[in-house]
Amino acid sequence: MSDAEPKQNVLALNSGSSSLKFGMYSVGASRTEMLLSGEAESIGDEKGQFHARDSVGRSLVSKTSPVSGQRQAVMRIAALLVEDRMPAPDAIGHRVVHGGPKLRQHCLIDANVLRQLEAATPFAPLHLGPTLAVVRAAREHFSGLPQVACFDTTFHAGLPDVARVLPLPSELREEGIQRYGFHGLSCESIVRQLGSDLPDRLIIAHLGNGASVTAVKSGKSIDTSMGLTPTGGVIMGTRSGDLDPGILVYLAREKKFDPVMLENLVDHRSGLLGISGVGSDMRLLHDAAASNADARLAIEMFCYSVRKQIAAMVAALGGVDMIVFTGGIGENDAVVRAAICDGLSWIGVSIDEPGNVRAGYAVLVLPSQEDEQIARHAWELAALSHRTAYRGKCSDG
């Protein structure tokens, strides 16, 4: 980054249901540089952890101590920036999983946007409650700074009707019940990293505790496995993925499950955890697989689920030029990647065992750079806000 290039320091906050990832970035038009990154984990648990590292990976802090809530997590991040003499942020960007039907583009956060986010909470209660707590704490502590909402649904906002519309009566569709799609910031980061090498027909498999598969045509999302909420699609760590809706009707009618019980079932007790009875972490399942048939089955079902979705996206695209694996499992689990690709030889997919990256077909592993995407969007919108305010002052004068 040129010293002459205008740049801003942007704090990216990536909120999960019980975690808060963060990164401080120096952002300019041509380059984004990470200055510090870290995470508050297991928020609300007595075994909570807080750790951070600098731009070259050196540990700045790593300790196990309770983090009582999102507000305390934000305060710890603010204190760390001061302790390590980091520059004060010029803007703050927030990952927001779901903005509902009215918030589909990244935007500056004001009182009206906050009200709309609160109204959208029923679409993703697992995620939006903690995110709103982080936003409020950041607005309180970093008062006066531009704060930006970066939506995971934005990348999929232009889905064609054939993929977006759900087969439900029009009165329900008019209330915003449709396919939204998620992991959009991760998909954006993959498209950006590919740059001039972006193929016409791309499939992105974001595989982590949450997992989705997206079909990208000429840089645009045309279909994706998740739907109204981040619960649908492929099997995930604790989320069921797609289910016969009759199962939920059966449980409500015969087992007297109420909405809270159903939500707990499909979001917290299903997926890899529900199948294996061992855990939701793929690493634990690999360790247990040699002696535990259910752990082996969970791994096999996950790979089978992802493989079927990739095949579906091949059909949506009319072929495929490249498959990119990203996310915690997608980037780090060579065994899972190989198992998924072994069943796709009929479309020409093969992987070389030593590198497990590419051999005779465009299968790549790229890092998900969600936080960097957040920083860039926050920089762009904060700069736009500043220019607009400046022009307003000039015209007033």
Protein backbone atom coordinates (compact mmCIF):
# COMPACT_ATOMS: atom_id res chain seq x y z
CA MET A 1 0.00 0.00 0.00
CA SER A 2 1.45 3.32 -1.04
CA ASP A 3 2.15 5.77 1.77
CA ALA A 4 0.44 8.41 -0.34
CA GLU A 5 -2.73 6.35 -0.69
CA PRO A 6 -5.54 7.47 1.63
CA LYS A 7 -6.37 4.72 4.09
CA GLN A 8 -8.46 4.13 7.17
CA ASN A 9 -8.26 1.81 10.12
CA VAL A 10 -11.33 -0.38 10.26
CA LEU A 11 -12.38 -2.72 13.07
CA ALA A 12 -14.28 -5.75 11.73
CA LEU A 13 -16.60 -7.53 14.17
CA ASN A 14 -17.86 -10.97 13.14
CA SER A 15 -20.45 -12.12 15.64
CA GLY A 16 -21.54 -15.73 16.13
CA SER A 17 -24.15 -17.11 18.50
CA SER A 18 -21.57 -17.50 21.29
CA SER A 19 -18.39 -16.03 19.81
CA LEU A 20 -17.02 -12.76 18.48
CA LYS A 21 -14.22 -12.73 15.93
CA PHE A 22 -12.47 -9.43 15.35
CA GLY A 23 -9.81 -7.90 13.17
CA MET A 24 -8.22 -4.48 12.78
CA TYR A 25 -7.38 -3.60 9.18
CA SER A 26 -5.64 -0.76 7.40
CA VAL A 27 -7.72 -0.29 4.27
CA GLY A 28 -6.97 1.63 1.09
CA ALA A 29 -8.26 1.50 -2.46
CA SER A 30 -5.67 -1.01 -3.67
CA ARG A 31 -4.77 -3.01 -0.57
CA THR A 32 -6.11 -4.20 2.78
CA GLU A 33 -3.61 -5.05 5.51
CA MET A 34 -4.48 -6.97 8.66
CA LEU A 35 -2.96 -5.38 11.79
CA LEU A 36 -4.46 -7.62 14.48
CA SER A 37 -7.03 -10.40 14.76
CA GLY A 38 -8.56 -12.57 17.43
CA GLU A 39 -11.68 -14.07 18.94
CA ALA A 40 -13.72 -14.20 22.11
CA GLU A 41 -15.01 -17.77 22.34
CA SER A 42 -17.70 -19.48 24.44
CA ILE A 43 -19.25 -16.19 25.47
CA GLY A 44 -21.40 -16.70 28.57
CA ASP A 45 -19.50 -19.85 29.58
CA GLU A 46 -17.13 -20.02 32.54
CA LYS A 47 -14.58 -21.65 30.23
CA GLY A 48 -14.66 -18.75 27.80
CA GLN A 49 -11.46 -17.91 25.93
CA PHE A 50 -10.02 -14.68 24.58
CA HIS A 51 -7.06 -14.67 22.23
CA ALA A 52 -5.45 -12.39 19.67
CA ARG A 53 -2.41 -12.29 17.40
CA ASP A 54 -0.60 -9.61 15.45
CA SER A 55 -0.08 -9.30 11.70
CA VAL A 56 2.70 -11.92 11.62
CA GLY A 57 0.89 -14.42 13.84
CA ARG A 58 2.57 -13.67 17.16
CA SER A 59 0.30 -14.22 20.15
CA LEU A 60 -0.72 -10.99 21.88
CA VAL A 61 -3.05 -12.56 24.43
CA SER A 62 -4.39 -16.04 25.05
CA LYS A 63 -6.29 -16.79 28.20
CA THR A 64 -9.19 -18.77 29.54
CA SER A 65 -11.54 -16.61 31.55
CA PRO A 66 -15.28 -15.99 31.53
CA VAL A 67 -16.66 -13.49 29.02
CA SER A 68 -20.08 -12.71 30.44
CA GLY A 69 -21.69 -11.36 27.29
CA GLN A 70 -21.25 -9.59 23.97
CA ARG A 71 -20.85 -6.20 25.63
CA GLN A 72 -17.92 -7.43 27.73
CA ALA A 73 -16.37 -9.00 24.63
CA VAL A 74 -16.47 -5.63 22.86
CA MET A 75 -14.93 -3.94 25.93
CA ARG A 76 -12.09 -6.47 25.96
CA ILE A 77 -11.39 -5.85 22.29
CA ALA A 78 -11.36 -2.08 22.88
CA ALA A 79 -8.97 -2.51 25.82
CA LEU A 80 -6.67 -4.73 23.72
CA LEU A 81 -6.43 -2.07 21.01
CA VAL A 82 -5.28 0.45 23.62
CA GLU A 83 -2.88 -1.95 25.37
CA ASP A 84 -1.17 -2.89 22.10
CA ARG A 85 -1.04 0.71 20.89
CA MET A 86 -3.18 -0.02 17.89
CA PRO A 87 -4.47 3.00 15.97
CA ALA A 88 -7.98 4.04 16.91
CA PRO A 89 -10.55 2.75 14.40
CA ASP A 90 -12.00 5.19 11.89
CA ALA A 91 -14.97 2.93 11.19
CA ILE A 92 -16.46 -0.36 12.37
CA GLY A 93 -17.97 -3.09 10.23
CA HIS A 94 -20.33 -5.77 11.52
CA ARG A 95 -21.18 -9.12 9.97
CA VAL A 96 -24.96 -9.47 10.05
CA VAL A 97 -26.25 -12.90 9.06
CA HIS A 98 -29.78 -11.83 8.09
CA GLY A 99 -31.37 -8.46 7.37
CA GLY A 100 -34.81 -9.81 6.54
CA PRO A 101 -36.66 -8.78 3.37
CA LYS A 102 -35.97 -5.05 3.71
CA LEU A 103 -32.20 -4.96 4.30
CA ARG A 104 -30.50 -6.63 1.35
CA GLN A 105 -27.53 -4.31 0.74
CA HIS A 106 -24.60 -3.44 3.02
CA CYS A 107 -25.40 -0.13 4.73
CA LEU A 108 -24.48 2.38 7.41
CA ILE A 109 -26.18 1.64 10.72
CA ASP A 110 -28.54 4.29 12.07
CA ALA A 111 -31.60 4.18 14.32
CA ASN A 112 -33.85 3.14 11.43
CA VAL A 113 -31.54 0.28 10.41
CA LEU A 114 -31.42 -0.91 14.04
CA ARG A 115 -35.23 -1.02 14.13
CA GLN A 116 -35.29 -3.04 10.92
CA LEU A 117 -32.70 -5.46 12.28
CA GLU A 118 -34.77 -5.96 15.41
CA ALA A 119 -37.82 -6.64 13.23
CA ALA A 120 -35.77 -9.21 11.25
CA THR A 121 -34.73 -11.17 14.36
CA PRO A 122 -37.36 -13.94 13.84
CA PHE A 123 -35.61 -14.85 10.58
CA ALA A 124 -32.39 -15.79 12.44
CA PRO A 125 -32.86 -15.56 16.22
CA LEU A 126 -29.80 -17.71 16.91
CA HIS A 127 -27.56 -15.11 15.25
CA LEU A 128 -29.30 -11.73 15.27
CA GLY A 129 -29.77 -11.44 19.04
CA PRO A 130 -26.02 -11.61 19.78
CA THR A 131 -25.21 -9.44 16.73
CA LEU A 132 -27.54 -6.67 17.92
CA ALA A 133 -25.91 -6.81 21.36
CA VAL A 134 -22.48 -6.35 19.71
CA VAL A 135 -23.73 -3.47 17.55
CA ARG A 136 -25.22 -1.66 20.54
CA ALA A 137 -22.07 -2.12 22.60
CA ALA A 138 -19.87 -0.89 19.75
CA ARG A 139 -22.08 2.15 19.14
CA GLU A 140 -21.90 2.94 22.83
CA HIS A 141 -18.12 2.56 23.22
CA PHE A 142 -17.07 3.91 19.82
CA SER A 143 -19.61 6.70 19.79
CA GLY A 144 -19.57 8.88 16.67
CA LEU A 145 -17.78 6.40 14.39
CA PRO A 146 -19.46 5.19 11.20
CA GLN A 147 -20.71 1.65 11.77
CA VAL A 148 -21.66 -0.56 8.87
CA ALA A 149 -23.88 -3.64 8.58
CA CYS A 150 -22.48 -6.21 6.14
CA PHE A 151 -25.08 -8.82 5.29
CA ASP A 152 -24.45 -12.47 4.48
CA THR A 153 -27.58 -12.34 2.33
CA THR A 154 -26.41 -9.51 0.04
CA PHE A 155 -24.40 -11.74 -2.32
CA HIS A 156 -27.58 -13.72 -3.02
CA ALA A 157 -29.94 -10.74 -3.35
CA GLY A 158 -30.15 -11.19 -7.13
CA LEU A 159 -31.11 -14.87 -7.15
CA PRO A 160 -33.36 -15.65 -10.12
CA ASP A 161 -36.99 -16.33 -9.23
CA VAL A 162 -36.68 -20.02 -10.05
CA ALA A 163 -34.21 -20.36 -7.16
CA ARG A 164 -35.47 -17.59 -4.85
CA VAL A 165 -39.21 -18.30 -4.75
CA LEU A 166 -40.37 -21.06 -2.40
CA PRO A 167 -43.36 -23.26 -3.34
CA LEU A 168 -45.76 -21.60 -0.90
CA PRO A 169 -48.92 -19.49 -1.26
CA SER A 170 -48.38 -15.91 -2.41
CA GLU A 171 -49.61 -14.37 0.86
CA LEU A 172 -46.73 -16.04 2.69
CA ARG A 173 -44.19 -15.17 0.02
CA GLU A 174 -45.26 -11.54 0.26
CA GLU A 175 -44.23 -11.57 3.94
CA GLY A 176 -40.62 -12.25 2.93
CA ILE A 177 -40.62 -16.05 3.11
CA GLN A 178 -38.14 -16.90 0.34
CA ARG A 179 -34.66 -18.27 -0.24
CA TYR A 180 -32.12 -15.75 1.07
CA GLY A 181 -28.86 -17.71 1.12
CA PHE A 182 -25.97 -17.15 3.51
CA HIS A 183 -22.16 -17.20 3.75
CA GLY A 184 -22.34 -14.35 1.26
CA LEU A 185 -19.33 -12.51 2.66
CA SER A 186 -17.28 -15.69 2.32
CA CYS A 187 -18.47 -16.11 -1.28
CA GLU A 188 -17.62 -12.46 -2.02
CA SER A 189 -14.11 -13.05 -0.69
CA ILE A 190 -13.62 -16.08 -2.95
CA VAL A 191 -14.76 -14.16 -6.03
CA ARG A 192 -12.42 -11.28 -5.09
CA GLN A 193 -9.44 -13.61 -4.54
CA LEU A 194 -9.94 -15.30 -7.90
CA GLY A 195 -9.91 -11.92 -9.65
CA SER A 196 -9.09 -12.28 -13.32
CA ASP A 197 -9.04 -16.09 -12.90
CA LEU A 198 -12.75 -16.14 -11.99
CA PRO A 199 -14.37 -18.83 -14.16
CA ASP A 200 -17.78 -18.51 -15.77
CA ARG A 201 -19.22 -21.44 -13.75
CA LEU A 202 -18.02 -21.64 -10.16
CA ILE A 203 -19.20 -23.71 -7.18
CA ILE A 204 -18.21 -22.55 -3.68
CA ALA A 205 -18.42 -25.13 -0.88
CA HIS A 206 -18.19 -23.22 2.42
CA LEU A 207 -17.77 -26.04 4.93
CA GLY A 208 -17.50 -25.32 8.63
CA ASN A 209 -19.76 -25.64 11.65
CA GLY A 210 -22.24 -23.99 9.29
CA ALA A 211 -22.03 -25.21 5.71
CA SER A 212 -23.46 -24.24 2.35
CA VAL A 213 -22.88 -24.76 -1.37
CA THR A 214 -23.36 -21.91 -3.85
CA ALA A 215 -23.53 -21.80 -7.65
CA VAL A 216 -21.87 -18.68 -9.10
CA LYS A 217 -22.40 -17.72 -12.75
CA SER A 218 -20.19 -14.91 -14.09
CA GLY A 219 -19.53 -13.72 -10.53
CA LYS A 220 -23.22 -13.74 -9.48
CA SER A 221 -25.00 -16.18 -7.18
CA ILE A 222 -27.70 -18.08 -9.08
CA ASP A 223 -28.54 -20.74 -6.47
CA THR A 224 -27.45 -21.76 -2.99
CA SER A 225 -28.24 -24.56 -0.56
CA MET A 226 -29.43 -22.51 2.44
CA GLY A 227 -32.93 -21.06 2.30
CA LEU A 228 -35.03 -18.82 4.54
CA THR A 229 -32.66 -19.43 7.44
CA PRO A 230 -29.10 -20.73 7.97
CA THR A 231 -30.58 -24.07 9.12
CA GLY A 232 -31.37 -25.46 5.67
CA GLY A 233 -29.23 -27.16 3.05
CA VAL A 234 -26.42 -29.62 3.81
CA ILE A 235 -25.81 -31.37 7.13
CA MET A 236 -23.90 -29.12 9.56
CA GLY A 237 -22.26 -29.33 12.98
CA THR A 238 -25.45 -29.12 15.05
CA ARG A 239 -27.95 -28.05 12.38
CA SER A 240 -30.05 -30.58 10.51
CA GLY A 241 -29.91 -29.11 7.04
CA ASP A 242 -32.87 -29.98 4.80
CA LEU A 243 -35.58 -32.17 6.34
CA ASP A 244 -38.91 -33.48 5.16
CA PRO A 245 -41.24 -30.75 6.57
CA GLY A 246 -43.63 -33.53 7.56
CA ILE A 247 -41.15 -34.49 10.30
CA LEU A 248 -41.74 -31.16 12.04
CA VAL A 249 -45.51 -31.52 11.62
CA TYR A 250 -45.30 -35.03 13.10
CA LEU A 251 -43.25 -33.83 16.07
CA ALA A 252 -45.62 -30.94 16.74
CA ARG A 253 -48.76 -33.10 16.48
CA GLU A 254 -47.64 -36.40 18.01
CA LYS A 255 -44.81 -35.39 20.36
CA LYS A 256 -46.20 -31.98 21.32
CA PHE A 257 -43.04 -30.09 20.26
CA ASP A 258 -43.57 -26.34 20.50
CA PRO A 259 -41.62 -23.80 18.35
CA VAL A 260 -38.85 -23.48 20.94
CA MET A 261 -38.38 -27.24 21.08
CA LEU A 262 -38.37 -27.54 17.30
CA GLU A 263 -35.83 -24.75 16.95
CA ASN A 264 -33.60 -26.33 19.59
CA LEU A 265 -33.84 -29.67 17.77
CA VAL A 266 -32.94 -28.48 14.27
CA ASP A 267 -30.33 -25.87 15.33
CA HIS A 268 -28.60 -27.39 18.38
CA ARG A 269 -29.20 -31.15 18.61
CA SER A 270 -29.03 -32.36 15.03
CA GLY A 271 -26.42 -32.56 12.27
CA LEU A 272 -23.09 -34.21 13.02
CA LEU A 273 -23.82 -34.06 16.75
CA GLY A 274 -27.20 -35.72 16.40
CA ILE A 275 -25.98 -38.48 14.09
CA SER A 276 -22.81 -39.31 16.00
CA GLY A 277 -23.72 -38.65 19.61
CA VAL A 278 -20.03 -37.72 19.92
CA GLY A 279 -19.84 -34.06 19.00
CA SER A 280 -20.17 -31.47 16.26
CA ASP A 281 -16.44 -30.99 15.60
CA MET A 282 -15.20 -32.93 12.59
CA ARG A 283 -11.83 -33.40 14.29
CA LEU A 284 -13.47 -35.25 17.18
CA LEU A 285 -15.37 -37.44 14.73
CA HIS A 286 -12.18 -38.39 12.88
CA ASP A 287 -10.58 -39.38 16.20
CA ALA A 288 -13.61 -41.46 17.17
CA ALA A 289 -14.31 -43.02 13.75
CA ALA A 290 -12.01 -46.02 14.14
CA SER A 291 -14.06 -47.39 17.04
CA ASN A 292 -17.43 -45.65 16.70
CA ALA A 293 -19.76 -46.57 13.83
CA ASP A 294 -22.00 -43.57 14.42
CA ALA A 295 -19.04 -41.19 14.12
CA ARG A 296 -18.08 -42.85 10.83
CA LEU A 297 -21.67 -42.56 9.62
CA ALA A 298 -21.77 -38.84 10.51
CA ILE A 299 -18.67 -38.19 8.39
CA GLU A 300 -20.02 -40.25 5.50
CA MET A 301 -23.41 -38.51 5.62
CA PHE A 302 -21.80 -35.07 5.69
CA CYS A 303 -19.66 -35.84 2.63
CA TYR A 304 -22.64 -37.42 0.85
CA SER A 305 -24.82 -34.39 1.62
CA VAL A 306 -22.22 -31.93 0.26
CA ARG A 307 -21.56 -34.10 -2.80
CA LYS A 308 -25.28 -34.14 -3.67
CA GLN A 309 -25.50 -30.35 -3.35
CA ILE A 310 -22.44 -29.86 -5.55
CA ALA A 311 -24.06 -32.09 -8.18
CA ALA A 312 -27.26 -30.05 -7.91
CA MET A 313 -25.31 -26.84 -8.47
CA VAL A 314 -23.61 -28.41 -11.52
CA ALA A 315 -27.12 -28.88 -12.92
CA ALA A 316 -28.07 -25.28 -12.03
CA LEU A 317 -24.98 -23.97 -13.83
CA GLY A 318 -25.21 -26.35 -16.79
CA GLY A 319 -21.71 -27.62 -16.00
CA VAL A 320 -18.84 -26.42 -13.84
CA ASP A 321 -15.40 -24.93 -14.45
CA MET A 322 -14.12 -24.73 -10.88
CA ILE A 323 -14.98 -25.93 -7.37
CA VAL A 324 -13.58 -23.99 -4.41
CA PHE A 325 -13.51 -25.41 -0.88
CA THR A 326 -13.39 -22.89 1.96
CA GLY A 327 -14.37 -22.60 5.64
CA GLY A 328 -12.83 -24.45 8.59
CA ILE A 329 -13.50 -27.96 7.26
CA GLY A 330 -13.19 -27.02 3.61
CA GLU A 331 -9.76 -25.45 4.10
CA ASN A 332 -8.24 -27.87 6.61
CA ASP A 333 -9.76 -31.35 6.21
CA ALA A 334 -8.11 -33.10 3.28
CA VAL A 335 -9.87 -36.40 4.10
CA VAL A 336 -13.32 -34.83 3.82
CA ARG A 337 -12.41 -32.98 0.61
CA ALA A 338 -11.15 -36.20 -0.97
CA ALA A 339 -14.27 -38.13 0.10
CA ILE A 340 -16.53 -35.48 -1.44
CA CYS A 341 -14.58 -35.37 -4.70
CA ASP A 342 -14.24 -39.15 -4.99
CA GLY A 343 -17.94 -39.29 -5.79
CA LEU A 344 -17.71 -36.60 -8.46
CA SER A 345 -15.42 -38.34 -10.94
CA TRP A 346 -18.33 -38.50 -13.40
CA ILE A 347 -17.93 -34.74 -13.97
CA GLY A 348 -14.16 -34.98 -14.22
CA VAL A 349 -13.23 -34.12 -10.64
CA SER A 350 -10.05 -35.69 -9.32
CA ILE A 351 -7.61 -34.69 -6.60
CA ASP A 352 -3.92 -35.44 -6.21
CA GLU A 353 -3.35 -37.04 -2.83
CA PRO A 354 -0.13 -35.17 -1.84
CA GLY A 355 -1.48 -31.65 -2.27
CA ASN A 356 -5.21 -32.40 -2.25
CA VAL A 357 -5.71 -29.22 -4.22
CA ARG A 358 -5.71 -29.71 -7.97
CA ALA A 359 -5.06 -32.40 -10.56
CA GLY A 360 -6.59 -32.38 -14.01
CA TYR A 361 -9.56 -30.31 -12.86
CA ALA A 362 -10.05 -26.92 -11.24
CA VAL A 363 -10.56 -27.88 -7.60
CA LEU A 364 -9.06 -25.25 -5.30
CA VAL A 365 -8.77 -24.54 -1.59
CA LEU A 366 -9.00 -20.85 -0.70
CA PRO A 367 -9.31 -19.15 2.68
CA SER A 368 -12.60 -17.57 3.65
CA GLN A 369 -11.77 -13.90 4.22
CA GLU A 370 -15.06 -12.68 5.67
CA ASP A 371 -13.46 -10.19 8.06
CA GLU A 372 -11.43 -8.56 5.29
CA GLN A 373 -14.61 -8.23 3.23
CA ILE A 374 -16.32 -6.57 6.20
CA ALA A 375 -13.41 -4.13 6.53
CA ARG A 376 -13.52 -3.24 2.84
CA HIS A 377 -17.27 -2.65 2.83
CA ALA A 378 -17.04 -0.53 5.99
CA TRP A 379 -14.23 1.52 4.43
CA GLU A 380 -16.20 2.09 1.23
CA LEU A 381 -19.44 3.10 2.97
CA ALA A 382 -17.70 5.24 5.58
CA ALA A 383 -15.78 7.05 2.84
CA LEU A 384 -19.00 7.56 0.86
CA SER A 385 -20.71 8.93 3.96
CA HIS A 386 -17.82 11.32 4.56
CA ARG A 387 -17.87 12.57 0.94
CA THR A 388 -21.64 13.05 1.05
CA ALA A 389 -21.44 14.98 4.32
CA TYR A 390 -18.60 17.13 2.93
CA ARG A 391 -20.56 17.97 -0.21
CA GLY A 392 -23.53 18.86 1.98
CA LYS A 393 -21.44 21.27 4.05
CA CYS A 394 -19.98 22.81 0.90
CA SER A 395 -23.43 23.35 -0.62
CA ASP A 396 -24.70 24.80 2.66
CA GLY A 397 -21.77 27.21 2.66
